[in-house]
Protein backbone atom coordinates (compact mmCIF):
# COMPACT_ATOMS: atom_id res chain seq x y z
CA UNK A 1 1.22 24.01 -3.75
CA UNK A 2 -0.45 24.00 -0.34
CA UNK A 3 -3.68 25.27 -1.89
CA UNK A 4 -3.55 22.51 -4.52
CA UNK A 5 -3.16 19.85 -1.81
CA UNK A 6 -5.92 21.43 0.27
CA UNK A 7 -8.32 21.54 -2.68
CA UNK A 8 -7.59 17.90 -3.56
CA UNK A 9 -8.12 16.82 0.04
CA UNK A 10 -11.44 18.67 0.25
CA UNK A 11 -12.57 17.04 -2.98
CA UNK A 12 -11.56 13.50 -2.07
CA UNK A 13 -12.41 13.29 1.62
CA UNK A 14 -16.13 12.88 0.92
CA UNK A 15 -15.82 11.08 -2.41
CA UNK A 16 -17.67 7.78 -2.61
CA UNK A 17 -14.50 5.94 -3.63
CA UNK A 18 -12.71 7.26 -0.56
CA UNK A 19 -15.45 5.94 1.72
CA UNK A 20 -15.58 2.55 0.00
CA UNK A 21 -11.82 2.00 -0.42
CA UNK A 22 -10.11 4.07 2.28
CA UNK A 23 -12.32 5.13 5.19
CA UNK A 24 -13.81 1.64 5.18
CA UNK A 25 -10.78 0.35 7.13
CA UNK A 26 -11.24 2.41 10.32
CA UNK A 27 -15.02 1.95 10.02
CA UNK A 28 -14.62 -1.83 9.79
CA UNK A 29 -12.19 -1.93 12.72
CA UNK A 30 -14.59 0.16 14.80
CA UNK A 31 -17.35 -2.36 14.10
CA UNK A 32 -15.03 -5.26 14.97
CA UNK A 33 -14.01 -3.65 18.27
CA UNK A 34 -17.63 -2.97 19.20
CA UNK A 35 -18.59 -6.59 18.47
CA UNK A 36 -15.64 -7.86 20.52
CA UNK A 37 -16.53 -5.63 23.47
CA UNK A 38 -20.19 -6.71 23.36
CA UNK A 39 -19.10 -10.34 23.25
CA UNK A 40 -16.83 -9.78 26.25
CA UNK A 41 -19.67 -8.14 28.16
CA UNK A 42 -22.50 -10.54 27.35
CA UNK A 43 -20.93 -13.63 25.80
CA UNK A 44 -19.57 -16.77 27.40
CA UNK A 45 -16.59 -17.26 25.09
CA UNK A 46 -13.39 -18.19 26.95
CA UNK A 47 -10.26 -17.11 25.10
CA UNK A 48 -6.83 -18.56 25.73
CA UNK A 49 -4.20 -16.18 27.12
CA UNK A 50 -1.70 -14.79 24.64
CA UNK A 51 1.96 -13.88 25.05
CA UNK A 52 3.11 -10.29 24.72
CA UNK A 53 5.16 -11.09 21.60
CA UNK A 54 2.23 -12.82 19.90
CA UNK A 55 -0.12 -9.99 20.87
CA UNK A 56 2.24 -7.35 19.47
CA UNK A 57 2.53 -9.20 16.17
CA UNK A 58 -1.23 -9.69 15.98
CA UNK A 59 -1.99 -6.07 16.90
CA UNK A 60 0.06 -4.72 13.97
CA UNK A 61 -1.54 -6.91 11.31
CA UNK A 62 -3.46 -4.02 9.77
CA UNK A 63 -0.14 -2.88 8.27
CA UNK A 64 0.28 -6.20 6.45
CA UNK A 65 -2.72 -5.35 4.28
CA UNK A 66 -0.72 -3.10 1.85
CA UNK A 67 1.80 -5.94 1.48
CA UNK A 68 -0.70 -8.48 0.17
CA UNK A 69 -2.21 -8.72 -3.29
CA UNK A 70 -5.76 -7.99 -2.16
CA UNK A 71 -4.73 -4.87 -0.29
CA UNK A 72 -2.68 -3.57 -3.18
CA UNK A 73 -5.59 -4.18 -5.54
CA UNK A 74 -7.74 -1.87 -3.41
CA UNK A 75 -4.99 0.75 -3.24
CA UNK A 76 -4.52 0.55 -7.01
CA UNK A 77 -8.27 0.81 -7.58
CA UNK A 78 -8.50 3.91 -5.41
CA UNK A 79 -5.51 5.51 -7.16
CA UNK A 80 -7.05 4.68 -10.54
CA UNK A 81 -10.19 6.61 -9.61
CA UNK A 82 -8.19 9.52 -8.17
CA UNK A 83 -6.00 9.98 -11.25
CA UNK A 84 -8.16 8.53 -14.00
CA UNK A 85 -11.44 9.97 -12.80
CA UNK A 86 -10.54 13.45 -14.01
CA UNK A 87 -10.40 12.10 -17.57
CA UNK A 88 -13.71 10.27 -17.24
CA UNK A 89 -15.44 13.32 -15.76
CA UNK A 90 -13.64 15.61 -18.23
CA UNK A 91 -12.72 17.98 -15.40
CA UNK A 92 -9.01 18.48 -16.07
CA UNK A 93 -9.73 21.40 -18.37
CA UNK A 94 -11.68 23.13 -15.59
CA UNK A 95 -8.90 23.02 -12.97
CA UNK A 96 -5.74 23.25 -15.09
CA UNK A 97 -5.98 27.04 -15.67
CA UNK A 98 -5.86 27.66 -11.90
CA UNK A 99 -2.79 25.50 -11.14
CA UNK A 100 0.49 24.37 -12.61
CA UNK A 101 0.19 20.86 -13.99
CA UNK A 102 2.96 19.49 -11.79
CA UNK A 103 1.08 20.81 -8.76
CA UNK A 104 -2.11 19.00 -9.75
CA UNK A 105 -0.40 15.63 -10.15
CA UNK A 106 1.74 16.12 -7.06
CA UNK A 107 -1.33 17.03 -5.00
CA UNK A 108 -3.02 13.81 -6.07
CA UNK A 109 0.07 11.79 -5.12
CA UNK A 110 0.29 13.47 -1.72
CA UNK A 111 -3.40 13.30 -0.84
CA UNK A 112 -4.03 9.73 -2.04
CA UNK A 113 -0.95 8.44 -0.18
CA UNK A 114 -1.77 10.44 2.95
CA UNK A 115 -5.40 9.30 3.01
CA UNK A 116 -4.42 5.63 2.74
CA UNK A 117 -1.75 5.93 5.45
CA UNK A 118 -4.15 7.89 7.66
CA UNK A 119 -6.86 5.25 7.26
CA UNK A 120 -4.52 2.41 8.27
CA UNK A 121 -3.14 4.46 11.17
CA UNK A 122 -6.67 5.23 12.39
CA UNK A 123 -7.65 1.55 12.14
CA UNK A 124 -4.50 0.64 14.05
CA UNK A 125 -5.24 3.10 16.86
CA UNK A 126 -8.86 1.93 17.05
CA UNK A 127 -7.74 -1.69 17.42
CA UNK A 128 -5.24 -0.81 20.17
CA UNK A 129 -7.85 1.27 21.98
CA UNK A 130 -10.29 -1.62 21.75
CA UNK A 131 -7.75 -3.98 23.30
CA UNK A 132 -7.19 -1.61 26.19
CA UNK A 133 -10.95 -1.65 26.85
CA UNK A 134 -11.41 -5.40 26.44
CA UNK A 135 -9.10 -6.39 29.30
CA UNK A 136 -11.27 -4.99 32.12
CA UNK A 137 -14.33 -6.57 30.50
CA UNK A 138 -12.90 -10.10 30.54
CA UNK A 139 -11.61 -10.28 26.98
CA UNK A 140 -8.06 -10.38 25.64
CA UNK A 141 -6.60 -7.05 26.61
CA UNK A 142 -3.05 -5.80 26.37
CA UNK A 143 -0.74 -8.37 28.07
CA UNK A 144 1.34 -7.30 31.04
CA UNK A 145 4.63 -7.71 29.18
CA UNK A 146 3.74 -5.10 26.55
CA UNK A 147 5.40 -1.73 27.15
CA UNK A 148 4.73 1.56 25.42
CA UNK A 149 8.19 1.37 23.87
CA UNK A 150 7.66 -2.11 22.42
CA UNK A 151 4.21 -1.12 21.17
CA UNK A 152 5.55 1.96 19.40
CA UNK A 153 8.53 0.08 17.94
CA UNK A 154 6.47 -2.77 16.49
CA UNK A 155 3.75 -0.57 15.03
CA UNK A 156 6.17 2.06 13.69
CA UNK A 157 8.25 -0.66 12.03
CA UNK A 158 5.16 -2.29 10.52
CA UNK A 159 3.91 1.07 9.24
CA UNK A 160 7.32 1.86 7.79
CA UNK A 161 7.37 -1.39 5.82
CA UNK A 162 3.97 -0.51 4.31
CA UNK A 163 4.93 2.94 3.02
CA UNK A 164 7.00 1.91 -0.02
CA UNK A 165 4.46 -0.64 -1.38
CA UNK A 166 1.74 2.00 -1.08
CA UNK A 167 3.78 4.67 -2.89
CA UNK A 168 4.93 2.17 -5.52
CA UNK A 169 1.39 0.99 -6.28
CA UNK A 170 0.06 4.56 -6.48
CA UNK A 171 2.94 5.61 -8.74
CA UNK A 172 2.16 2.88 -11.29
CA UNK A 173 -1.58 3.63 -11.19
CA UNK A 174 -0.92 7.33 -11.79
CA UNK A 175 1.27 6.54 -14.80
CA UNK A 176 -1.29 4.15 -16.27
CA UNK A 177 -4.04 6.74 -15.77
CA UNK A 178 -2.09 9.45 -17.60
CA UNK A 179 -1.09 7.09 -20.42
CA UNK A 180 -4.53 5.54 -20.99
CA UNK A 181 -6.84 8.37 -19.78
CA UNK A 182 -9.23 5.63 -18.65
CA UNK A 183 -10.19 4.43 -15.17
CA UNK A 184 -10.99 0.91 -16.39
CA UNK A 185 -7.72 0.55 -18.29
CA UNK A 186 -5.82 1.89 -15.28
CA UNK A 187 -7.47 -0.64 -12.99
CA UNK A 188 -6.73 -3.53 -15.36
CA UNK A 189 -3.09 -2.50 -15.88
CA UNK A 190 -2.56 -1.86 -12.16
CA UNK A 191 -3.96 -5.26 -11.26
CA UNK A 192 -1.80 -6.78 -13.98
CA UNK A 193 1.27 -5.06 -12.52
CA UNK A 194 0.63 -6.61 -9.11
CA UNK A 195 -0.02 -10.04 -10.62
CA UNK A 196 3.03 -9.79 -12.88
CA UNK A 197 5.33 -9.77 -9.86
CA UNK A 198 4.24 -13.27 -8.93
CA UNK A 199 4.11 -14.48 -12.54
CA UNK A 200 7.55 -13.05 -13.25
CA UNK A 201 9.06 -14.78 -10.25
CA UNK A 202 7.35 -18.04 -11.17
CA UNK A 203 8.65 -17.83 -14.74
CA UNK A 204 12.14 -16.62 -13.85
CA UNK A 205 13.71 -20.12 -13.57
CA UNK A 206 12.37 -21.05 -17.03
CA UNK A 207 13.60 -17.80 -18.55
CA UNK A 208 16.96 -18.29 -16.88
CA UNK A 209 17.34 -21.66 -18.61
CA UNK A 210 16.83 -19.95 -21.98
CA UNK A 211 18.78 -16.72 -21.42
CA UNK A 212 20.59 -16.81 -18.07
CA UNK A 213 22.57 -13.57 -18.35
CA UNK A 214 19.64 -11.50 -19.63
CA UNK A 215 17.27 -12.92 -17.03
CA UNK A 216 19.64 -12.20 -14.15
CA UNK A 217 20.22 -8.68 -15.41
CA UNK A 218 16.51 -7.91 -15.80
CA UNK A 219 15.66 -9.30 -12.39
CA UNK A 220 18.25 -7.07 -10.77
CA UNK A 221 17.42 -3.93 -12.77
CA UNK A 222 13.60 -4.06 -12.94
CA UNK A 223 11.62 -3.32 -9.77
CA UNK A 224 9.42 -6.42 -9.66
CA UNK A 225 11.74 -8.81 -7.84
CA UNK A 226 12.87 -6.05 -5.52
CA UNK A 227 9.30 -5.13 -4.59
CA UNK A 228 8.55 -8.74 -3.70
CA UNK A 229 11.85 -8.93 -1.84
CA UNK A 230 10.95 -5.86 0.25
CA UNK A 231 7.58 -7.41 1.11
CA UNK A 232 9.34 -10.65 2.07
CA UNK A 233 11.75 -8.72 4.31
CA UNK A 234 8.77 -6.98 5.93
CA UNK A 235 7.38 -10.39 6.81
CA UNK A 236 10.63 -11.59 8.37
CA UNK A 237 13.19 -12.71 5.77
CA UNK A 238 14.26 -11.77 2.27
CA UNK A 239 13.32 -13.70 -0.86
CA UNK A 240 15.76 -16.22 -2.27
CA UNK A 241 14.71 -16.83 -5.86
CA UNK A 242 15.98 -20.09 -7.40
CA UNK A 243 17.19 -19.59 -10.97
CA UNK A 244 18.73 -22.94 -11.72
CA UNK A 245 20.09 -26.08 -10.16
CA UNK A 246 22.97 -24.24 -8.51
CA UNK A 247 22.10 -20.55 -8.87
CA UNK A 248 19.75 -18.25 -7.00
CA UNK A 249 19.12 -14.55 -6.54
CA UNK A 250 19.16 -12.91 -3.13
CA UNK A 251 19.38 -9.22 -2.35
CA UNK A 252 19.67 -7.18 0.81
CA UNK A 253 16.81 -5.06 2.06
CA UNK A 254 18.76 -1.84 1.51
CA UNK A 255 19.59 -2.69 -2.12
CA UNK A 256 16.00 -3.56 -3.00
CA UNK A 257 14.76 -0.44 -1.24
CA UNK A 258 17.16 1.78 -3.19
CA UNK A 259 16.16 0.26 -6.54
CA UNK A 260 12.43 0.49 -5.84
CA UNK A 261 12.75 4.12 -4.70
CA UNK A 262 14.68 4.94 -7.90
CA UNK A 263 11.91 3.34 -9.93
CA UNK A 264 9.22 5.26 -8.04
CA UNK A 265 11.07 8.47 -8.90
CA UNK A 266 11.43 7.43 -12.56
CA UNK A 267 7.76 6.47 -12.83
CA UNK A 268 6.76 9.76 -11.23
CA UNK A 269 8.99 11.76 -13.58
CA UNK A 270 7.53 9.94 -16.60
CA UNK A 271 4.02 10.68 -15.37
CA UNK A 272 4.80 14.37 -14.96
CA UNK A 273 6.45 14.57 -18.37
CA UNK A 274 3.53 12.90 -20.14
CA UNK A 275 0.93 14.94 -18.26
CA UNK A 276 2.71 18.23 -18.97
CA UNK A 277 2.53 17.55 -22.72
CA UNK A 278 -1.00 16.16 -22.81
CA UNK A 279 -3.78 17.90 -24.72
CA UNK A 280 -6.67 18.12 -22.27
CA UNK A 281 -8.96 20.53 -24.11
């Protein structure tokens, strides 16, 4: 299994899609930090002081990217190329004889997730390092009230909230890739999955008026509401979804997390089952 992961990492680390959709984040943050430092050194811009709490929240904003639609679109697009690209290039038949099929899919899950998390972590560290350099140069540095403990707590919490949306998005993209064997179809379906969360929540009150019991049951069993609820909790408070004049749906963070994790496991198992029975010759 280690060799399968290593081979996948070697293949993807220099792939064009990885540079354009993953490594672009630390590269972009490096450019931003350089511009900010040059402005501090040679510019005349006067920036207002910022509180430690506000600075901590601002410094961890890179981890909000996987929570938003645009960020999840990029993650889904990258996963679509990772999983669906083998069908487009017709390379599955070349690598399957050397590995068990479950190892190949698992390696793609591990490497794609790890690369995305590593890219965000690198961008985060670059931004923090830039702030530590900006203070002596006259820019907004790290405020005096920020301690190492508070910095670690805020950034670790923000990173933790981003993990499940990343894994969830990759899991769906992998399933769509195996079912459709097409990068384009995987991208379209993955984007549709992200959009469907908002459309489903918008249409839930109307559906509840027509079939209240069925709507309530589906909202609680399917992962879409729970994924949005987890993202809402990550931003500060859970989602209360109005279903009628006197009825609403609200769920704890732990309940939504458990349901989404179960769905990730079910989606992954379905992907493995389909891939293990697929004719790739």
